[in-house]
């Protein structure tokens, strides 16, 4: 409980602040984008149901880093706030991409994860394994190709779907 309520939000804000400071000191944007994507990925792996919260907290960490750093010479305070808001908004995209990539990886690695239900049904069908899901996807693709080429495959496995 302490992990999800204290440690992960502080870690997300820390990742965002580190990326924001890196953004302020580096001339290149590549490192900042990679840091944000990795942060989103790691936090979404740690707590996948709250991935959207982690993305927003990472963005707020970037904003915090921009607000805490002193204004650069020749820059007005209002421009520092505006640049911080813009940087925080832009940081949401790579963090979200990293989080969605983590969700995709988790979906592939844990296909047989039990579902939460309020009432247990009498008989649940067995969930297909990853190999079975791949075979089903290949069969659906082959059926679609057969329909596109003029005739269905009618469940018979074949590699030749027509010319």
N, C-alpha and C. Protein backbone atom coordinates (compact mmCIF):
# COMPACT_ATOMS: atom_id res chain seq x y z
N UNK A 1 0.82 -1.18 0.00
CA UNK A 1 0.00 0.00 0.00
C UNK A 1 0.87 1.25 0.00
N UNK A 2 1.90 1.23 0.80
CA UNK A 2 2.81 2.36 0.88
C UNK A 2 3.52 2.58 -0.45
N UNK A 3 3.74 1.48 -1.17
CA UNK A 3 4.41 1.57 -2.47
C UNK A 3 3.60 2.43 -3.44
N UNK A 4 2.30 2.15 -3.55
CA UNK A 4 1.47 2.86 -4.53
C UNK A 4 1.04 4.24 -4.05
N UNK A 5 1.02 4.49 -2.76
CA UNK A 5 0.55 5.78 -2.28
C UNK A 5 1.67 6.79 -2.05
N UNK A 6 2.87 6.32 -1.78
CA UNK A 6 3.96 7.25 -1.47
C UNK A 6 5.13 7.10 -2.44
N UNK A 7 5.64 5.90 -2.55
CA UNK A 7 6.88 5.70 -3.31
C UNK A 7 6.71 5.95 -4.80
N UNK A 8 5.67 5.38 -5.41
CA UNK A 8 5.50 5.54 -6.86
C UNK A 8 5.18 6.97 -7.27
N UNK A 9 4.31 7.71 -6.55
CA UNK A 9 4.11 9.11 -6.93
C UNK A 9 5.37 9.95 -6.78
N UNK A 10 6.13 9.71 -5.72
CA UNK A 10 7.39 10.46 -5.56
C UNK A 10 8.40 10.09 -6.63
N UNK A 11 8.42 8.82 -7.00
CA UNK A 11 9.32 8.39 -8.07
C UNK A 11 8.92 9.01 -9.40
N UNK A 12 7.63 9.05 -9.68
CA UNK A 12 7.15 9.66 -10.93
C UNK A 12 7.49 11.14 -10.98
N UNK A 13 7.27 11.85 -9.87
CA UNK A 13 7.62 13.27 -9.83
C UNK A 13 9.12 13.45 -9.95
N UNK A 14 9.89 12.57 -9.34
CA UNK A 14 11.35 12.64 -9.45
C UNK A 14 11.83 12.41 -10.87
N UNK A 15 11.24 11.41 -11.54
CA UNK A 15 11.58 11.17 -12.95
C UNK A 15 11.27 12.41 -13.80
N UNK A 16 10.10 13.01 -13.55
CA UNK A 16 9.72 14.20 -14.31
C UNK A 16 10.64 15.37 -14.02
N UNK A 17 11.00 15.56 -12.75
CA UNK A 17 11.90 16.66 -12.39
C UNK A 17 13.29 16.45 -13.00
N UNK A 18 13.76 15.21 -12.97
CA UNK A 18 15.07 14.93 -13.57
C UNK A 18 15.04 15.20 -15.08
N UNK A 19 13.96 14.79 -15.73
CA UNK A 19 13.85 15.04 -17.17
C UNK A 19 13.72 16.53 -17.45
N UNK A 20 13.01 17.26 -16.59
CA UNK A 20 12.89 18.71 -16.77
C UNK A 20 14.21 19.43 -16.59
N UNK A 21 14.98 19.02 -15.59
CA UNK A 21 16.31 19.63 -15.40
C UNK A 21 17.24 19.28 -16.55
N UNK A 22 17.14 18.05 -17.03
CA UNK A 22 17.95 17.63 -18.18
C UNK A 22 17.58 18.48 -19.40
N UNK A 23 16.30 18.74 -19.55
CA UNK A 23 15.82 19.55 -20.67
C UNK A 23 16.35 20.98 -20.58
N UNK A 24 16.43 21.51 -19.38
CA UNK A 24 16.92 22.88 -19.21
C UNK A 24 18.41 23.01 -19.45
N UNK A 25 19.18 21.97 -19.16
CA UNK A 25 20.63 22.05 -19.27
C UNK A 25 21.19 21.48 -20.55
N UNK A 26 20.44 20.66 -21.25
CA UNK A 26 20.95 20.01 -22.45
C UNK A 26 20.49 20.74 -23.69
N UNK A 27 21.33 20.73 -24.71
CA UNK A 27 20.97 21.35 -25.98
C UNK A 27 20.17 20.38 -26.86
N UNK A 28 20.24 19.09 -26.54
CA UNK A 28 19.56 18.07 -27.33
C UNK A 28 18.26 17.65 -26.64
N UNK A 29 17.27 17.34 -27.43
CA UNK A 29 15.98 16.92 -26.90
C UNK A 29 15.87 15.40 -26.81
N UNK A 30 16.75 14.68 -27.47
CA UNK A 30 16.66 13.22 -27.53
C UNK A 30 16.73 12.58 -26.15
N UNK A 31 17.68 13.00 -25.35
CA UNK A 31 17.85 12.42 -24.02
C UNK A 31 16.64 12.64 -23.14
N UNK A 32 16.04 13.81 -23.25
CA UNK A 32 14.85 14.11 -22.45
C UNK A 32 13.69 13.22 -22.85
N UNK A 33 13.48 13.04 -24.13
CA UNK A 33 12.38 12.21 -24.61
C UNK A 33 12.57 10.75 -24.19
N UNK A 34 13.80 10.27 -24.26
CA UNK A 34 14.07 8.89 -23.85
C UNK A 34 13.85 8.74 -22.35
N UNK A 35 14.29 9.71 -21.56
CA UNK A 35 14.08 9.64 -20.12
C UNK A 35 12.59 9.60 -19.79
N UNK A 36 11.80 10.40 -20.46
CA UNK A 36 10.36 10.44 -20.20
C UNK A 36 9.69 9.13 -20.61
N UNK A 37 10.07 8.58 -21.75
CA UNK A 37 9.48 7.32 -22.20
C UNK A 37 9.85 6.17 -21.28
N UNK A 38 11.10 6.12 -20.84
CA UNK A 38 11.53 5.07 -19.91
C UNK A 38 10.81 5.21 -18.58
N UNK A 39 10.66 6.44 -18.10
CA UNK A 39 9.94 6.66 -16.84
C UNK A 39 8.50 6.19 -16.95
N UNK A 40 7.82 6.54 -18.03
CA UNK A 40 6.46 6.07 -18.22
C UNK A 40 6.37 4.56 -18.31
N UNK A 41 7.32 3.95 -18.99
CA UNK A 41 7.36 2.50 -19.13
C UNK A 41 7.52 1.83 -17.77
N UNK A 42 8.52 2.27 -16.99
CA UNK A 42 8.81 1.64 -15.71
C UNK A 42 7.65 1.79 -14.72
N UNK A 43 7.06 2.96 -14.69
CA UNK A 43 5.97 3.17 -13.75
C UNK A 43 4.71 2.42 -14.17
N UNK A 44 4.47 2.29 -15.46
CA UNK A 44 3.32 1.52 -15.92
C UNK A 44 3.52 0.03 -15.68
N UNK A 45 4.75 -0.44 -15.70
CA UNK A 45 5.00 -1.84 -15.37
C UNK A 45 4.76 -2.06 -13.87
N UNK A 46 5.15 -1.09 -13.05
CA UNK A 46 4.99 -1.22 -11.60
C UNK A 46 3.52 -1.19 -11.19
N UNK A 47 2.73 -0.33 -11.80
CA UNK A 47 1.30 -0.22 -11.47
C UNK A 47 0.53 0.10 -12.74
N UNK A 48 0.17 -0.93 -13.51
CA UNK A 48 -0.42 -0.71 -14.83
C UNK A 48 -1.80 -0.04 -14.80
N UNK A 49 -2.56 -0.23 -13.75
CA UNK A 49 -3.91 0.36 -13.73
C UNK A 49 -3.87 1.87 -13.57
N UNK A 50 -2.81 2.41 -13.02
CA UNK A 50 -2.71 3.85 -12.81
C UNK A 50 -1.78 4.51 -13.81
N UNK A 51 -1.63 3.95 -15.00
CA UNK A 51 -0.66 4.48 -15.95
C UNK A 51 -0.95 5.93 -16.32
N UNK A 52 -2.19 6.30 -16.41
CA UNK A 52 -2.53 7.69 -16.75
C UNK A 52 -2.14 8.66 -15.64
N UNK A 53 -2.28 8.22 -14.41
CA UNK A 53 -1.86 9.05 -13.27
C UNK A 53 -0.36 9.27 -13.31
N UNK A 54 0.39 8.21 -13.61
CA UNK A 54 1.86 8.34 -13.64
C UNK A 54 2.28 9.29 -14.74
N UNK A 55 1.61 9.25 -15.87
CA UNK A 55 1.95 10.18 -16.96
C UNK A 55 1.73 11.62 -16.51
N UNK A 56 0.60 11.87 -15.86
CA UNK A 56 0.32 13.23 -15.38
C UNK A 56 1.30 13.68 -14.30
N UNK A 57 1.69 12.77 -13.42
CA UNK A 57 2.64 13.14 -12.35
C UNK A 57 4.02 13.40 -12.95
N UNK A 58 4.40 12.65 -13.96
CA UNK A 58 5.68 12.91 -14.64
C UNK A 58 5.64 14.31 -15.27
N UNK A 59 4.54 14.66 -15.91
CA UNK A 59 4.40 15.99 -16.50
C UNK A 59 4.45 17.08 -15.45
N UNK A 60 3.85 16.84 -14.29
CA UNK A 60 3.90 17.84 -13.23
C UNK A 60 5.31 17.97 -12.66
N UNK A 61 6.08 16.88 -12.68
CA UNK A 61 7.49 16.97 -12.26
C UNK A 61 8.31 17.82 -13.21
N UNK A 62 8.02 17.71 -14.50
CA UNK A 62 8.70 18.56 -15.48
C UNK A 62 8.34 20.03 -15.24
N UNK A 63 7.07 20.29 -15.00
CA UNK A 63 6.64 21.66 -14.70
C UNK A 63 7.32 22.17 -13.44
N UNK A 64 7.40 21.35 -12.42
CA UNK A 64 8.05 21.74 -11.17
C UNK A 64 9.52 22.09 -11.39
N UNK A 65 10.20 21.30 -12.21
CA UNK A 65 11.61 21.59 -12.49
C UNK A 65 11.76 22.93 -13.20
N UNK A 66 10.86 23.23 -14.10
CA UNK A 66 10.94 24.51 -14.82
C UNK A 66 10.60 25.69 -13.91
N UNK A 67 9.70 25.48 -12.95
CA UNK A 67 9.32 26.57 -12.06
C UNK A 67 10.36 26.84 -10.97
N UNK A 68 11.06 25.80 -10.52
CA UNK A 68 12.01 25.94 -9.42
C UNK A 68 13.33 26.54 -9.89
N UNK A 69 13.72 26.25 -11.10
CA UNK A 69 15.01 26.77 -11.58
C UNK A 69 14.91 28.28 -11.76
N UNK A 70 15.98 28.98 -11.46
CA UNK A 70 15.93 30.44 -11.62
C UNK A 70 15.82 30.82 -13.10
N UNK A 71 15.25 31.99 -13.31
CA UNK A 71 15.09 32.48 -14.68
C UNK A 71 16.47 32.73 -15.29
N UNK A 72 16.60 32.37 -16.52
CA UNK A 72 17.86 32.59 -17.22
C UNK A 72 18.02 34.07 -17.52
N UNK A 73 19.23 34.53 -17.71
CA UNK A 73 19.44 35.97 -17.96
C UNK A 73 18.63 36.44 -19.17
N UNK A 74 17.95 37.57 -19.00
CA UNK A 74 17.17 38.15 -20.08
C UNK A 74 15.80 37.55 -20.24
N UNK A 75 15.38 36.67 -19.31
CA UNK A 75 14.09 36.01 -19.42
C UNK A 75 13.16 36.52 -18.33
N UNK A 76 11.94 36.82 -18.69
CA UNK A 76 10.96 37.28 -17.71
C UNK A 76 10.38 36.09 -16.96
N UNK A 77 9.84 36.32 -15.77
CA UNK A 77 9.25 35.24 -14.98
C UNK A 77 8.07 34.60 -15.71
N UNK A 78 7.24 35.42 -16.35
CA UNK A 78 6.09 34.88 -17.06
C UNK A 78 6.50 33.91 -18.16
N UNK A 79 7.60 34.21 -18.81
CA UNK A 79 8.06 33.32 -19.87
C UNK A 79 8.58 32.01 -19.29
N UNK A 80 9.12 32.04 -18.08
CA UNK A 80 9.55 30.81 -17.43
C UNK A 80 8.35 29.93 -17.13
N UNK A 81 7.27 30.52 -16.66
CA UNK A 81 6.05 29.77 -16.37
C UNK A 81 5.48 29.20 -17.67
N UNK A 82 5.45 30.01 -18.71
CA UNK A 82 4.90 29.55 -19.98
C UNK A 82 5.77 28.43 -20.56
N UNK A 83 7.07 28.59 -20.51
CA UNK A 83 7.94 27.54 -21.04
C UNK A 83 7.80 26.26 -20.21
N UNK A 84 7.60 26.41 -18.90
CA UNK A 84 7.37 25.23 -18.05
C UNK A 84 6.08 24.52 -18.40
N UNK A 85 5.02 25.29 -18.64
CA UNK A 85 3.74 24.69 -19.02
C UNK A 85 3.83 23.98 -20.37
N UNK A 86 4.52 24.62 -21.30
CA UNK A 86 4.68 24.00 -22.62
C UNK A 86 5.52 22.73 -22.51
N UNK A 87 6.61 22.78 -21.75
CA UNK A 87 7.46 21.60 -21.58
C UNK A 87 6.69 20.48 -20.88
N UNK A 88 5.87 20.82 -19.89
CA UNK A 88 5.09 19.79 -19.20
C UNK A 88 4.06 19.17 -20.13
N UNK A 89 3.43 19.98 -20.96
CA UNK A 89 2.44 19.45 -21.90
C UNK A 89 3.10 18.55 -22.95
N UNK A 90 4.26 18.98 -23.42
CA UNK A 90 4.97 18.18 -24.42
C UNK A 90 5.50 16.89 -23.81
N UNK A 91 5.86 16.91 -22.54
CA UNK A 91 6.41 15.72 -21.89
C UNK A 91 5.37 14.63 -21.70
N UNK A 92 4.09 14.98 -21.77
CA UNK A 92 3.06 13.96 -21.58
C UNK A 92 3.06 12.93 -22.72
N UNK A 93 3.40 13.36 -23.92
CA UNK A 93 3.35 12.43 -25.06
C UNK A 93 4.38 11.31 -24.95
N UNK A 94 5.69 11.59 -24.76
CA UNK A 94 6.63 10.46 -24.67
C UNK A 94 6.39 9.60 -23.43
N UNK A 95 5.93 10.22 -22.33
CA UNK A 95 5.62 9.42 -21.14
C UNK A 95 4.44 8.50 -21.41
N UNK A 96 3.44 8.99 -22.12
CA UNK A 96 2.28 8.16 -22.46
C UNK A 96 2.66 7.06 -23.44
N UNK A 97 3.53 7.36 -24.38
CA UNK A 97 3.99 6.33 -25.33
C UNK A 97 4.72 5.22 -24.58
N UNK A 98 5.57 5.59 -23.65
CA UNK A 98 6.28 4.58 -22.84
C UNK A 98 5.31 3.76 -22.00
N UNK A 99 4.29 4.40 -21.42
CA UNK A 99 3.33 3.68 -20.60
C UNK A 99 2.48 2.72 -21.44
N UNK A 100 2.07 3.16 -22.62
CA UNK A 100 1.27 2.29 -23.48
C UNK A 100 2.12 1.12 -23.99
N UNK A 101 3.39 1.37 -24.25
CA UNK A 101 4.29 0.27 -24.63
C UNK A 101 4.40 -0.74 -23.50
N UNK A 102 4.46 -0.26 -22.27
CA UNK A 102 4.52 -1.17 -21.12
C UNK A 102 3.24 -1.99 -21.02
N UNK A 103 2.10 -1.37 -21.26
CA UNK A 103 0.84 -2.11 -21.21
C UNK A 103 0.79 -3.18 -22.30
N UNK A 104 1.32 -2.86 -23.47
CA UNK A 104 1.36 -3.85 -24.55
C UNK A 104 2.27 -5.02 -24.19
N UNK A 105 3.41 -4.72 -23.61
CA UNK A 105 4.34 -5.78 -23.20
C UNK A 105 3.70 -6.64 -22.11
N UNK A 106 3.05 -6.02 -21.15
CA UNK A 106 2.39 -6.79 -20.10
C UNK A 106 1.25 -7.64 -20.65
N UNK A 107 0.54 -7.14 -21.64
CA UNK A 107 -0.54 -7.90 -22.24
C UNK A 107 -0.01 -9.15 -22.95
N UNK A 108 1.14 -9.01 -23.59
CA UNK A 108 1.73 -10.15 -24.28
C UNK A 108 2.32 -11.15 -23.28
N UNK A 109 2.97 -10.65 -22.23
CA UNK A 109 3.63 -11.54 -21.28
C UNK A 109 2.67 -12.21 -20.32
N UNK A 110 1.54 -11.58 -20.02
CA UNK A 110 0.60 -12.15 -19.05
C UNK A 110 -0.79 -12.32 -19.66
N UNK A 111 -0.92 -13.17 -20.68
CA UNK A 111 -2.24 -13.31 -21.30
C UNK A 111 -3.23 -14.08 -20.43
N UNK A 112 -2.77 -14.92 -19.53
CA UNK A 112 -3.65 -15.76 -18.72
C UNK A 112 -3.91 -15.16 -17.35
N UNK A 113 -3.76 -13.87 -17.23
CA UNK A 113 -4.00 -13.21 -15.96
C UNK A 113 -5.47 -13.32 -15.59
N UNK A 114 -5.78 -13.71 -14.35
CA UNK A 114 -7.19 -13.89 -13.99
C UNK A 114 -7.94 -12.57 -14.00
N UNK A 115 -9.19 -12.64 -14.46
CA UNK A 115 -10.03 -11.46 -14.50
C UNK A 115 -10.73 -11.30 -13.16
N UNK A 116 -10.99 -10.06 -12.78
CA UNK A 116 -11.74 -9.80 -11.56
C UNK A 116 -13.22 -9.83 -11.89
N UNK A 117 -13.95 -10.64 -11.16
CA UNK A 117 -15.39 -10.67 -11.32
C UNK A 117 -16.04 -10.58 -9.95
N UNK A 118 -17.22 -10.00 -9.92
CA UNK A 118 -17.93 -9.88 -8.65
C UNK A 118 -18.52 -11.22 -8.24
N UNK A 119 -19.11 -11.93 -9.18
CA UNK A 119 -19.71 -13.23 -8.92
C UNK A 119 -18.99 -14.23 -9.79
N UNK A 120 -18.53 -15.31 -9.19
CA UNK A 120 -17.81 -16.33 -9.95
C UNK A 120 -18.81 -17.12 -10.80
N UNK A 121 -18.60 -17.21 -12.09
CA UNK A 121 -19.49 -18.00 -12.93
C UNK A 121 -19.32 -19.49 -12.63
N UNK A 122 -20.31 -20.29 -13.03
CA UNK A 122 -20.26 -21.71 -12.73
C UNK A 122 -19.12 -22.40 -13.44
N UNK A 123 -18.94 -22.14 -14.69
CA UNK A 123 -17.86 -22.79 -15.43
C UNK A 123 -17.23 -21.76 -16.37
N UNK A 124 -15.97 -21.45 -16.13
CA UNK A 124 -15.27 -20.53 -17.01
C UNK A 124 -14.48 -21.34 -18.03
N UNK A 125 -14.59 -20.95 -19.29
CA UNK A 125 -13.76 -21.64 -20.29
C UNK A 125 -12.29 -21.31 -20.07
N UNK A 126 -11.46 -22.26 -20.39
CA UNK A 126 -10.02 -22.05 -20.24
C UNK A 126 -9.56 -20.97 -21.20
N UNK A 127 -8.70 -20.09 -20.70
CA UNK A 127 -8.18 -19.01 -21.55
C UNK A 127 -7.12 -19.59 -22.48
N UNK A 128 -7.11 -19.10 -23.72
CA UNK A 128 -6.12 -19.62 -24.66
C UNK A 128 -4.71 -19.14 -24.30
N UNK A 129 -3.75 -19.97 -24.61
CA UNK A 129 -2.36 -19.61 -24.38
C UNK A 129 -1.92 -18.63 -25.45
N UNK A 130 -0.71 -18.11 -25.29
CA UNK A 130 -0.19 -17.16 -26.26
C UNK A 130 -0.05 -17.81 -27.64
N UNK A 131 0.37 -19.06 -27.68
CA UNK A 131 0.51 -19.76 -28.97
C UNK A 131 -0.86 -19.97 -29.62
N UNK A 132 -1.86 -20.29 -28.81
CA UNK A 132 -3.20 -20.48 -29.36
C UNK A 132 -3.77 -19.16 -29.86
N UNK A 133 -3.52 -18.07 -29.13
CA UNK A 133 -3.99 -16.76 -29.59
C UNK A 133 -3.31 -16.37 -30.89
N UNK A 134 -2.02 -16.69 -31.02
CA UNK A 134 -1.32 -16.40 -32.27
C UNK A 134 -1.86 -17.20 -33.42
N UNK A 135 -2.17 -18.49 -33.15
CA UNK A 135 -2.74 -19.33 -34.20
C UNK A 135 -4.12 -18.84 -34.61
N UNK A 136 -4.92 -18.40 -33.63
CA UNK A 136 -6.24 -17.86 -33.95
C UNK A 136 -6.14 -16.58 -34.77
N UNK A 137 -5.18 -15.72 -34.42
CA UNK A 137 -4.99 -14.48 -35.17
C UNK A 137 -4.55 -14.78 -36.59
N UNK A 138 -3.66 -15.77 -36.75
CA UNK A 138 -3.22 -16.14 -38.10
C UNK A 138 -4.38 -16.71 -38.90
N UNK A 139 -5.24 -17.50 -38.26
CA UNK A 139 -6.39 -18.07 -38.96
C UNK A 139 -7.37 -16.97 -39.39
N UNK A 140 -7.60 -15.98 -38.51
CA UNK A 140 -8.48 -14.87 -38.86
C UNK A 140 -7.91 -14.08 -40.03
N UNK A 141 -6.59 -13.85 -40.02
CA UNK A 141 -5.96 -13.11 -41.11
C UNK A 141 -6.07 -13.89 -42.41
N UNK A 142 -5.87 -15.20 -42.34
CA UNK A 142 -5.98 -16.02 -43.55
C UNK A 142 -7.42 -16.03 -44.07
N UNK A 143 -8.40 -16.07 -43.15
CA UNK A 143 -9.80 -16.02 -43.59
C UNK A 143 -10.12 -14.70 -44.26
N UNK A 144 -9.61 -13.62 -43.72
CA UNK A 144 -9.84 -12.31 -44.33
C UNK A 144 -9.21 -12.23 -45.72
N UNK A 145 -8.01 -12.77 -45.83
CA UNK A 145 -7.36 -12.77 -47.14
C UNK A 145 -8.15 -13.62 -48.13
N UNK A 146 -8.70 -14.73 -47.65
CA UNK A 146 -9.50 -15.58 -48.52
C UNK A 146 -10.76 -14.88 -49.00
N UNK A 147 -11.40 -14.12 -48.08
CA UNK A 147 -12.59 -13.37 -48.48
C UNK A 147 -12.25 -12.28 -49.46
N UNK A 148 -11.09 -11.66 -49.27
CA UNK A 148 -10.67 -10.62 -50.21
C UNK A 148 -10.39 -11.19 -51.58
N UNK A 149 -9.92 -12.43 -51.63
CA UNK A 149 -9.57 -13.04 -52.91
C UNK A 149 -10.71 -13.83 -53.52
N UNK A 150 -11.90 -13.74 -52.95
CA UNK A 150 -13.05 -14.34 -53.62
C UNK A 150 -13.65 -15.55 -52.97
N UNK A 151 -13.08 -16.11 -51.99
CA UNK A 151 -13.69 -17.27 -51.36
C UNK A 151 -13.10 -17.51 -49.98
N UNK A 152 -13.92 -18.01 -49.07
CA UNK A 152 -13.46 -18.27 -47.71
C UNK A 152 -12.66 -19.57 -47.69
N UNK A 153 -11.82 -19.73 -46.70
CA UNK A 153 -11.00 -20.93 -46.59
C UNK A 153 -11.77 -22.08 -45.96
N UNK A 154 -12.86 -21.79 -45.32
CA UNK A 154 -13.72 -22.80 -44.67
C UNK A 154 -12.96 -23.65 -43.65
N UNK A 155 -12.07 -23.00 -42.92
CA UNK A 155 -11.39 -23.67 -41.82
C UNK A 155 -10.26 -24.59 -42.22
N UNK A 156 -9.93 -24.70 -43.50
CA UNK A 156 -8.85 -25.58 -43.89
C UNK A 156 -7.55 -24.80 -43.93
N UNK A 157 -6.55 -25.30 -43.22
CA UNK A 157 -5.28 -24.55 -43.19
C UNK A 157 -4.56 -24.64 -44.53
N UNK A 158 -4.12 -23.52 -44.99
CA UNK A 158 -3.37 -23.44 -46.23
C UNK A 158 -2.53 -22.19 -46.22
N UNK A 159 -1.46 -22.21 -46.93
CA UNK A 159 -0.61 -21.04 -47.05
C UNK A 159 -0.93 -20.30 -48.34
N UNK A 160 -1.56 -20.95 -49.29
CA UNK A 160 -1.87 -20.33 -50.56
C UNK A 160 -3.30 -19.80 -50.50
N UNK A 161 -3.44 -18.47 -50.51
CA UNK A 161 -4.77 -17.87 -50.45
C UNK A 161 -5.22 -17.37 -51.81
N UNK A 162 -4.55 -17.73 -52.84
CA UNK A 162 -4.97 -17.37 -54.19
C UNK A 162 -4.13 -16.25 -54.77
N UNK A 163 -4.33 -16.04 -56.05
CA UNK A 163 -3.58 -14.99 -56.76
C UNK A 163 -4.41 -13.77 -56.90
